[in-house]
Amino acid sequence: MTLSIAHVTFDCENAAALAGFWAELLELRVDAEASEFFATVGRESGHSPVLMFIKVPDKTPGKNVVHLDLHAPDWREHIERAVALGAKHIGDFDEHGGKWATLADPEGNLFDIGAV
C-alpha cells in the first residue's frame, strides 16, 4: 500500500484566522467548527491535501523548511490578491527555469506563487 498526503499542517497562533486567510486565497471554505485552537480547510469538500491549522504555544523559530508552491497562468494577479488578503511580498525570483514570488502569510509562514 502506498502513502498519500493527508494534511499539510500549520502550527499557528490563531487557527481559525489563519485558516480563513488560506481558504480565501485558495477559494475554498473553512470547515465547520473552526476555532482559534483547531481548523481545517478542504476536509468537508474533499479537497486534497487538507490544510490543518493547530494552535501551539511556541512556533518553531526561524525559516520554515517546508512550504507550499502554488502556480497559475495569471500568477502575478494572485500575488496581488494574496497581498490584499494580508500576505507580505518577500521577493521575486527567476531561477532554474522558473519564475515565482515568495510571500509570507499573516503569521509569517512562507509560500511561493509562480508561473505555470
N, C-alpha and C. Protein backbone atom coordinates (compact mmCIF):
# COMPACT_ATOMS: atom_id res chain seq x y z
N MET A 1 0.84 -1.18 0.00
CA MET A 1 0.00 0.00 0.00
C MET A 1 0.89 1.24 0.00
N THR A 2 0.54 2.25 -0.79
CA THR A 2 1.35 3.46 -0.88
C THR A 2 0.87 4.51 0.11
N LEU A 3 1.78 5.39 0.48
CA LEU A 3 1.44 6.52 1.33
C LEU A 3 0.83 7.63 0.48
N SER A 4 -0.02 8.43 1.10
CA SER A 4 -0.54 9.62 0.44
C SER A 4 -0.54 10.76 1.45
N ILE A 5 -0.50 11.98 0.95
CA ILE A 5 -0.51 13.14 1.84
C ILE A 5 -1.94 13.38 2.30
N ALA A 6 -2.14 13.36 3.60
CA ALA A 6 -3.47 13.59 4.17
C ALA A 6 -3.68 15.05 4.52
N HIS A 7 -2.69 15.67 5.16
CA HIS A 7 -2.79 17.05 5.62
C HIS A 7 -1.48 17.78 5.40
N VAL A 8 -1.57 19.06 5.22
CA VAL A 8 -0.44 19.96 5.37
C VAL A 8 -0.79 20.76 6.60
N THR A 9 0.03 20.65 7.64
CA THR A 9 -0.30 21.22 8.95
C THR A 9 0.50 22.48 9.23
N PHE A 10 -0.21 23.51 9.71
CA PHE A 10 0.40 24.77 10.10
C PHE A 10 0.30 24.91 11.61
N ASP A 11 1.44 25.03 12.30
CA ASP A 11 1.43 25.45 13.69
C ASP A 11 1.19 26.95 13.67
N CYS A 12 0.30 27.43 14.53
CA CYS A 12 -0.04 28.85 14.45
C CYS A 12 -0.54 29.39 15.78
N GLU A 13 -0.78 30.68 15.80
CA GLU A 13 -1.29 31.36 16.98
C GLU A 13 -2.82 31.33 17.02
N ASN A 14 -3.47 31.52 15.86
CA ASN A 14 -4.93 31.53 15.79
C ASN A 14 -5.35 30.69 14.59
N ALA A 15 -5.81 29.48 14.87
CA ALA A 15 -6.11 28.52 13.80
C ALA A 15 -7.22 29.01 12.87
N ALA A 16 -8.30 29.52 13.42
CA ALA A 16 -9.42 29.95 12.57
C ALA A 16 -9.04 31.12 11.69
N ALA A 17 -8.30 32.07 12.22
CA ALA A 17 -7.90 33.24 11.44
C ALA A 17 -6.97 32.85 10.30
N LEU A 18 -5.98 32.01 10.58
CA LEU A 18 -5.05 31.63 9.53
C LEU A 18 -5.73 30.73 8.50
N ALA A 19 -6.62 29.86 8.96
CA ALA A 19 -7.40 29.04 8.02
C ALA A 19 -8.23 29.94 7.11
N GLY A 20 -8.76 31.01 7.65
CA GLY A 20 -9.55 31.96 6.85
C GLY A 20 -8.73 32.58 5.73
N PHE A 21 -7.48 32.95 6.03
CA PHE A 21 -6.59 33.50 5.00
C PHE A 21 -6.38 32.50 3.88
N TRP A 22 -6.00 31.26 4.24
CA TRP A 22 -5.70 30.25 3.22
C TRP A 22 -6.95 29.83 2.45
N ALA A 23 -8.09 29.75 3.12
CA ALA A 23 -9.34 29.41 2.43
C ALA A 23 -9.68 30.48 1.40
N GLU A 24 -9.54 31.73 1.79
CA GLU A 24 -9.83 32.82 0.86
C GLU A 24 -8.85 32.81 -0.31
N LEU A 25 -7.56 32.62 -0.03
CA LEU A 25 -6.56 32.61 -1.09
C LEU A 25 -6.80 31.48 -2.09
N LEU A 26 -7.17 30.30 -1.60
CA LEU A 26 -7.37 29.13 -2.46
C LEU A 26 -8.81 28.99 -2.94
N GLU A 27 -9.66 29.95 -2.59
CA GLU A 27 -11.07 29.95 -2.96
C GLU A 27 -11.77 28.68 -2.48
N LEU A 28 -11.51 28.35 -1.22
CA LEU A 28 -12.16 27.22 -0.55
C LEU A 28 -12.88 27.76 0.68
N ARG A 29 -13.47 26.87 1.45
CA ARG A 29 -14.15 27.26 2.69
C ARG A 29 -13.41 26.70 3.88
N VAL A 30 -13.47 27.44 4.98
CA VAL A 30 -13.01 26.89 6.25
C VAL A 30 -14.06 25.89 6.69
N ASP A 31 -13.64 24.71 7.09
CA ASP A 31 -14.58 23.67 7.51
C ASP A 31 -15.29 24.08 8.81
N ALA A 32 -16.49 23.52 9.00
CA ALA A 32 -17.31 23.84 10.17
C ALA A 32 -16.54 23.55 11.46
N GLU A 33 -16.95 24.24 12.50
CA GLU A 33 -16.42 24.06 13.86
C GLU A 33 -14.98 24.54 14.01
N ALA A 34 -14.54 25.44 13.15
CA ALA A 34 -13.21 26.03 13.31
C ALA A 34 -13.18 26.87 14.58
N SER A 35 -12.05 26.85 15.25
CA SER A 35 -11.87 27.67 16.45
C SER A 35 -10.46 28.24 16.43
N GLU A 36 -10.14 29.06 17.42
CA GLU A 36 -8.78 29.59 17.50
C GLU A 36 -7.76 28.48 17.76
N PHE A 37 -8.22 27.30 18.19
CA PHE A 37 -7.33 26.20 18.54
C PHE A 37 -7.12 25.20 17.41
N PHE A 38 -8.14 24.99 16.57
CA PHE A 38 -8.06 23.97 15.52
C PHE A 38 -9.00 24.33 14.38
N ALA A 39 -8.49 24.20 13.16
CA ALA A 39 -9.33 24.46 11.99
C ALA A 39 -8.77 23.67 10.80
N THR A 40 -9.65 23.37 9.85
CA THR A 40 -9.22 22.71 8.62
C THR A 40 -9.86 23.42 7.42
N VAL A 41 -9.21 23.25 6.28
CA VAL A 41 -9.72 23.76 5.01
C VAL A 41 -9.66 22.60 4.03
N GLY A 42 -10.80 22.28 3.43
CA GLY A 42 -10.84 21.26 2.39
C GLY A 42 -11.32 19.89 2.82
N ARG A 43 -11.40 19.64 4.10
CA ARG A 43 -11.83 18.31 4.57
C ARG A 43 -13.27 18.02 4.15
N GLU A 44 -14.16 18.96 4.38
CA GLU A 44 -15.58 18.74 4.07
C GLU A 44 -15.86 18.70 2.57
N SER A 45 -15.05 19.41 1.78
CA SER A 45 -15.28 19.45 0.34
C SER A 45 -14.55 18.35 -0.42
N GLY A 46 -13.72 17.57 0.29
CA GLY A 46 -12.97 16.51 -0.36
C GLY A 46 -11.70 16.98 -1.05
N HIS A 47 -11.31 18.22 -0.79
CA HIS A 47 -10.07 18.75 -1.37
C HIS A 47 -8.87 18.01 -0.77
N SER A 48 -7.87 17.77 -1.57
CA SER A 48 -6.69 17.06 -1.07
C SER A 48 -5.43 17.74 -1.56
N PRO A 49 -4.46 17.94 -0.69
CA PRO A 49 -4.50 17.58 0.73
C PRO A 49 -5.29 18.61 1.53
N VAL A 50 -5.76 18.18 2.67
CA VAL A 50 -6.47 19.06 3.60
C VAL A 50 -5.43 19.94 4.29
N LEU A 51 -5.73 21.22 4.43
CA LEU A 51 -4.88 22.10 5.22
C LEU A 51 -5.40 22.08 6.65
N MET A 52 -4.50 21.85 7.60
CA MET A 52 -4.88 21.75 9.00
C MET A 52 -4.10 22.80 9.79
N PHE A 53 -4.78 23.49 10.69
CA PHE A 53 -4.19 24.58 11.48
C PHE A 53 -4.37 24.25 12.96
N ILE A 54 -3.27 24.26 13.70
CA ILE A 54 -3.30 23.90 15.11
C ILE A 54 -2.59 24.97 15.92
N LYS A 55 -3.28 25.49 16.93
CA LYS A 55 -2.66 26.47 17.81
C LYS A 55 -1.60 25.78 18.65
N VAL A 56 -0.41 26.36 18.70
CA VAL A 56 0.68 25.81 19.51
C VAL A 56 1.23 26.93 20.39
N PRO A 57 1.76 26.57 21.55
CA PRO A 57 2.27 27.61 22.45
C PRO A 57 3.57 28.25 21.96
N ASP A 58 4.35 27.52 21.18
CA ASP A 58 5.63 28.07 20.73
C ASP A 58 5.97 27.54 19.34
N LYS A 59 5.79 28.40 18.34
CA LYS A 59 6.13 28.01 16.97
C LYS A 59 7.64 27.82 16.87
N THR A 60 8.06 26.95 15.98
CA THR A 60 9.48 26.76 15.72
C THR A 60 10.05 28.07 15.18
N PRO A 61 11.12 28.59 15.79
CA PRO A 61 11.68 29.85 15.32
C PRO A 61 12.44 29.68 14.00
N GLY A 62 12.58 30.77 13.27
CA GLY A 62 13.36 30.74 12.04
C GLY A 62 12.52 30.42 10.82
N LYS A 63 13.18 30.23 9.70
CA LYS A 63 12.53 29.98 8.42
C LYS A 63 11.89 28.59 8.41
N ASN A 64 10.66 28.52 7.92
CA ASN A 64 10.05 27.20 7.78
C ASN A 64 10.72 26.47 6.61
N VAL A 65 10.97 25.19 6.81
CA VAL A 65 11.72 24.43 5.80
C VAL A 65 10.80 23.74 4.80
N VAL A 66 9.52 23.68 5.07
CA VAL A 66 8.54 23.14 4.13
C VAL A 66 7.56 24.26 3.83
N HIS A 67 7.24 24.45 2.57
CA HIS A 67 6.29 25.50 2.22
C HIS A 67 5.47 25.06 1.01
N LEU A 68 4.37 25.76 0.77
CA LEU A 68 3.51 25.47 -0.37
C LEU A 68 4.01 26.22 -1.60
N ASP A 69 4.02 25.55 -2.74
CA ASP A 69 4.28 26.18 -4.03
C ASP A 69 2.97 26.17 -4.80
N LEU A 70 2.45 27.34 -5.08
CA LEU A 70 1.21 27.50 -5.83
C LEU A 70 1.57 28.03 -7.21
N HIS A 71 0.79 27.68 -8.23
CA HIS A 71 1.09 28.17 -9.56
C HIS A 71 -0.19 28.40 -10.35
N ALA A 72 -0.11 29.34 -11.29
CA ALA A 72 -1.25 29.67 -12.15
C ALA A 72 -0.74 30.49 -13.33
N PRO A 73 -1.44 30.45 -14.46
CA PRO A 73 -1.04 31.26 -15.61
C PRO A 73 -1.04 32.76 -15.27
N ASP A 74 -2.00 33.20 -14.47
CA ASP A 74 -2.12 34.61 -14.08
C ASP A 74 -1.52 34.84 -12.68
N TRP A 75 -0.33 34.30 -12.48
CA TRP A 75 0.29 34.27 -11.16
C TRP A 75 0.51 35.64 -10.55
N ARG A 76 0.80 36.64 -11.35
CA ARG A 76 1.01 38.00 -10.81
C ARG A 76 -0.27 38.53 -10.17
N GLU A 77 -1.41 38.24 -10.77
CA GLU A 77 -2.68 38.66 -10.18
C GLU A 77 -2.91 37.99 -8.83
N HIS A 78 -2.51 36.73 -8.72
CA HIS A 78 -2.68 36.01 -7.47
C HIS A 78 -1.75 36.55 -6.38
N ILE A 79 -0.59 37.03 -6.77
CA ILE A 79 0.32 37.67 -5.81
C ILE A 79 -0.34 38.92 -5.24
N GLU A 80 -0.88 39.75 -6.12
CA GLU A 80 -1.57 40.97 -5.68
C GLU A 80 -2.74 40.63 -4.76
N ARG A 81 -3.47 39.61 -5.12
CA ARG A 81 -4.62 39.19 -4.31
C ARG A 81 -4.18 38.70 -2.94
N ALA A 82 -3.10 37.92 -2.90
CA ALA A 82 -2.58 37.42 -1.63
C ALA A 82 -2.17 38.57 -0.72
N VAL A 83 -1.51 39.56 -1.29
CA VAL A 83 -1.10 40.74 -0.50
C VAL A 83 -2.33 41.48 0.01
N ALA A 84 -3.35 41.63 -0.82
CA ALA A 84 -4.58 42.29 -0.39
C ALA A 84 -5.26 41.53 0.74
N LEU A 85 -5.07 40.21 0.79
CA LEU A 85 -5.66 39.39 1.85
C LEU A 85 -4.83 39.40 3.14
N GLY A 86 -3.63 39.97 3.09
CA GLY A 86 -2.81 40.07 4.29
C GLY A 86 -1.43 39.44 4.20
N ALA A 87 -1.06 38.91 3.03
CA ALA A 87 0.27 38.33 2.87
C ALA A 87 1.30 39.45 2.69
N LYS A 88 2.55 39.12 2.96
CA LYS A 88 3.66 40.04 2.73
C LYS A 88 4.48 39.52 1.56
N HIS A 89 4.74 40.39 0.58
CA HIS A 89 5.54 40.02 -0.60
C HIS A 89 7.01 40.11 -0.20
N ILE A 90 7.69 38.96 -0.18
CA ILE A 90 9.09 38.90 0.26
C ILE A 90 10.05 39.19 -0.89
N GLY A 91 9.84 38.58 -2.05
CA GLY A 91 10.75 38.79 -3.16
C GLY A 91 10.34 38.05 -4.41
N ASP A 92 10.93 38.46 -5.54
CA ASP A 92 10.67 37.82 -6.84
C ASP A 92 11.93 37.06 -7.28
N PHE A 93 11.71 35.93 -7.96
CA PHE A 93 12.83 35.09 -8.37
C PHE A 93 12.64 34.60 -9.80
N ASP A 94 13.74 34.47 -10.51
CA ASP A 94 13.77 33.94 -11.87
C ASP A 94 15.00 33.04 -11.93
N GLU A 95 14.82 31.79 -11.52
CA GLU A 95 15.94 30.86 -11.39
C GLU A 95 15.52 29.46 -11.83
N HIS A 96 16.49 28.68 -12.21
CA HIS A 96 16.28 27.25 -12.51
C HIS A 96 15.16 27.03 -13.52
N GLY A 97 14.98 27.98 -14.44
CA GLY A 97 13.96 27.85 -15.46
C GLY A 97 12.56 28.20 -15.01
N GLY A 98 12.42 28.78 -13.82
CA GLY A 98 11.10 29.14 -13.31
C GLY A 98 11.06 30.57 -12.80
N LYS A 99 9.86 31.11 -12.72
CA LYS A 99 9.64 32.45 -12.18
C LYS A 99 8.61 32.33 -11.07
N TRP A 100 8.89 32.95 -9.93
CA TRP A 100 7.97 32.91 -8.82
C TRP A 100 8.23 34.04 -7.86
N ALA A 101 7.28 34.24 -6.96
CA ALA A 101 7.43 35.19 -5.86
C ALA A 101 7.29 34.43 -4.56
N THR A 102 8.07 34.83 -3.57
CA THR A 102 7.94 34.28 -2.23
C THR A 102 7.15 35.28 -1.40
N LEU A 103 6.18 34.75 -0.67
CA LEU A 103 5.34 35.57 0.19
C LEU A 103 5.30 34.95 1.58
N ALA A 104 4.79 35.70 2.54
CA ALA A 104 4.56 35.18 3.89
C ALA A 104 3.09 35.40 4.23
N ASP A 105 2.45 34.38 4.80
CA ASP A 105 1.05 34.54 5.21
C ASP A 105 1.00 35.44 6.45
N PRO A 106 -0.19 35.77 6.97
CA PRO A 106 -0.28 36.70 8.09
C PRO A 106 0.48 36.28 9.36
N GLU A 107 0.83 35.01 9.50
CA GLU A 107 1.62 34.57 10.65
C GLU A 107 3.07 34.29 10.29
N GLY A 108 3.48 34.67 9.08
CA GLY A 108 4.88 34.57 8.69
C GLY A 108 5.30 33.29 8.01
N ASN A 109 4.37 32.36 7.74
CA ASN A 109 4.70 31.13 7.03
C ASN A 109 4.94 31.46 5.55
N LEU A 110 6.08 31.02 5.03
CA LEU A 110 6.43 31.32 3.65
C LEU A 110 5.69 30.42 2.66
N PHE A 111 5.38 30.97 1.49
CA PHE A 111 4.83 30.20 0.38
C PHE A 111 5.21 30.90 -0.91
N ASP A 112 5.15 30.17 -2.01
CA ASP A 112 5.51 30.71 -3.31
C ASP A 112 4.31 30.69 -4.24
N ILE A 113 4.24 31.71 -5.10
CA ILE A 113 3.27 31.72 -6.20
C ILE A 113 4.10 31.94 -7.46
N GLY A 114 3.94 31.02 -8.43
CA GLY A 114 4.75 31.10 -9.63
C GLY A 114 3.98 30.85 -10.90
N ALA A 115 4.70 31.01 -12.00
CA ALA A 115 4.14 30.78 -13.33
C ALA A 115 4.01 29.28 -13.58
N VAL A 116 3.02 28.92 -14.34
CA VAL A 116 2.80 27.52 -14.70
C VAL A 116 3.90 27.09 -15.65
